[in-house]
């Protein structure tokens, strides 16, 4: 492995990390929308592989983000 090849691999990794973060945020939005649309939490967990606690945290985080400050 030469320096150039290593740099290319590192760049591919950084791009992948950025894409993963975008997809993570999009999935969180989709989970919140599913919850708002009354999709049972059990079904959200089954589809995403997340635990009920993880789903609750994602949904609650969305509520605090959209709640206007007094």
Protein backbone atom coordinates (compact mmCIF):
# COMPACT_ATOMS: atom_id res chain seq x y z
CA UNK A 1 0.00 0.00 0.00
CA UNK A 2 1.59 3.25 -1.08
CA UNK A 3 0.81 6.73 0.21
CA UNK A 4 -1.40 7.62 -2.78
CA UNK A 5 -3.48 4.46 -2.46
CA UNK A 6 -3.88 5.06 1.26
CA UNK A 7 -4.99 8.64 0.63
CA UNK A 8 -7.58 7.46 -1.88
CA UNK A 9 -8.91 4.89 0.57
CA UNK A 10 -9.07 7.48 3.34
CA UNK A 11 -11.00 9.85 1.06
CA UNK A 12 -13.45 7.11 0.10
CA UNK A 13 -13.95 6.43 3.80
CA UNK A 14 -14.63 10.12 4.56
CA UNK A 15 -17.17 10.32 1.74
CA UNK A 16 -18.84 7.17 3.04
CA UNK A 17 -19.04 8.67 6.54
CA UNK A 18 -20.73 11.79 5.16
CA UNK A 19 -23.24 9.73 3.18
CA UNK A 20 -23.94 7.58 6.24
CA UNK A 21 -24.66 10.66 8.35
CA UNK A 22 -27.09 12.00 5.73
CA UNK A 23 -28.86 8.64 5.54
CA UNK A 24 -28.99 8.41 9.35
CA UNK A 25 -30.73 11.77 9.50
CA UNK A 26 -33.13 10.80 6.71
CA UNK A 27 -34.01 7.58 8.53
CA UNK A 28 -34.67 9.54 11.74
CA UNK A 29 -37.06 11.81 9.83
CA UNK A 30 -38.79 8.75 8.36
CA UNK A 31 -39.12 7.17 11.82
CA UNK A 32 -40.66 10.37 13.19
CA UNK A 33 -43.07 10.53 10.27
CA UNK A 34 -44.05 6.90 10.72
CA UNK A 35 -44.69 7.56 14.40
CA UNK A 36 -46.78 10.64 13.55
CA UNK A 37 -48.71 8.51 11.05
CA UNK A 38 -49.50 6.07 13.88
CA UNK A 39 -47.37 3.21 12.60
CA UNK A 40 -47.04 0.91 15.63
CA UNK A 41 -43.70 1.21 17.37
CA UNK A 42 -43.36 -2.58 17.11
CA UNK A 43 -43.45 -2.30 13.32
CA UNK A 44 -40.92 0.54 13.27
CA UNK A 45 -38.57 -1.57 15.40
CA UNK A 46 -39.06 -4.61 13.21
CA UNK A 47 -38.27 -2.71 10.00
CA UNK A 48 -35.32 -0.68 11.30
CA UNK A 49 -33.79 -3.20 13.68
CA UNK A 50 -33.77 -0.53 16.39
CA UNK A 51 -34.94 -1.17 19.93
CA UNK A 52 -38.09 0.46 21.29
CA UNK A 53 -35.88 2.73 23.40
CA UNK A 54 -33.90 3.86 20.36
CA UNK A 55 -37.12 4.64 18.50
CA UNK A 56 -38.49 6.58 21.49
CA UNK A 57 -35.29 8.64 21.69
CA UNK A 58 -35.42 9.45 17.97
CA UNK A 59 -39.08 10.48 18.15
CA UNK A 60 -38.56 12.54 21.31
CA UNK A 61 -35.48 14.23 19.83
CA UNK A 62 -37.61 15.33 16.89
CA UNK A 63 -40.21 16.79 19.21
CA UNK A 64 -37.64 18.91 21.04
CA UNK A 65 -36.13 20.10 17.73
CA UNK A 66 -39.46 21.36 16.42
CA UNK A 67 -40.80 22.80 19.66
CA UNK A 68 -40.49 26.62 19.61
CA UNK A 69 -38.73 28.16 22.56
CA UNK A 70 -40.87 30.30 24.91
